[in-house]
Amino acid sequence: MKRGIYFLPNLLTTAGLFAGFYAIVAAMKGYFDTAAIAIFIGMIADGMDGRVARLLNSQTLFGAQYDSLADMVTFGVAPALVVYSASLHALGKLGWLAAFLYTAATALRLARFNTQTHDSDRRYFQGLPSPAAAGIIASMVWVSSVYEIDGFMMAVPAAILTVLIAGLMVSRIRYHSFKGVDFKGKVPFFTIVMMVVVMTAVALEPAEVLSILFFVYALSGPVMTLWQLRRMRSQKSGSRRRKPGHQ
């Protein structure tokens, strides 16, 4: 049998890898808004390659490994170097240490995801997904570039946020994966209206709207976890009250 690799899914993976590499080059030249946009383009390519592979029934072990290695560059190395070049360099050693923590957290997050693919609930991710983490970092750099916020004023909040995002990636906090969404099925009319509103908002103010969307998603995990813990505690207290001798 002839050996080879499927063309279209791996082409999309290569496109995502190229976007991450280009983001690094753009950041080195000082084009931080372009670097942020390149990361978002890599995110789109990463979201498409897996769906195309499943649609064409062309999923392979090679494609899975290639996708993971490309994600490490696009969502691990590129965002760290972009945010370091844009602001963290003003903090000296603390700046590049914060960038390294983000990169290391991405590697750990991807390694854990690769080893738990068949064991975890597909409806949820364990820890903040690396594309979402990259989206937060890229949107922050994009907003700071649009409003010309730089220097020490941006470096401190950027360092704090970078470390927090790294912690969320390696945490056990669950995030909705949206893999249960049926794109072939029917949806309520209101859903289409909301999609049009969001797309229009992104077209008008892409940096600000994307920043809000990714921040909301990053907060959704801790909020959902706290809500579930509170619900479990209320259920335990309710069961204790119903036991004999506690009336």
Foldseek 3Di string as FASTA:
>chain_A
DDDDADDVLVVLLVQLLVLLVVLLVCLVVPNLLSSLVSLVSSVVSLVPSVVVCVVVVRDDPVSVVSSLVSLLRSLAVRLLSSLLSFALVLVPPLSNVLSVLRSVLLVVLSVVCVVCVPPDDQQKGFFDHSSLLSLLSSLLSNVCVVVVPYHPVSNVVSSVSSNVNSVRSNHRQIAGPCPPDDPPDDDDPVVVVVVVVLVVVCVVPVSVSSNVVSVVRSVVRVVVVVVVVVVVVVVVVVVVCPDPPND
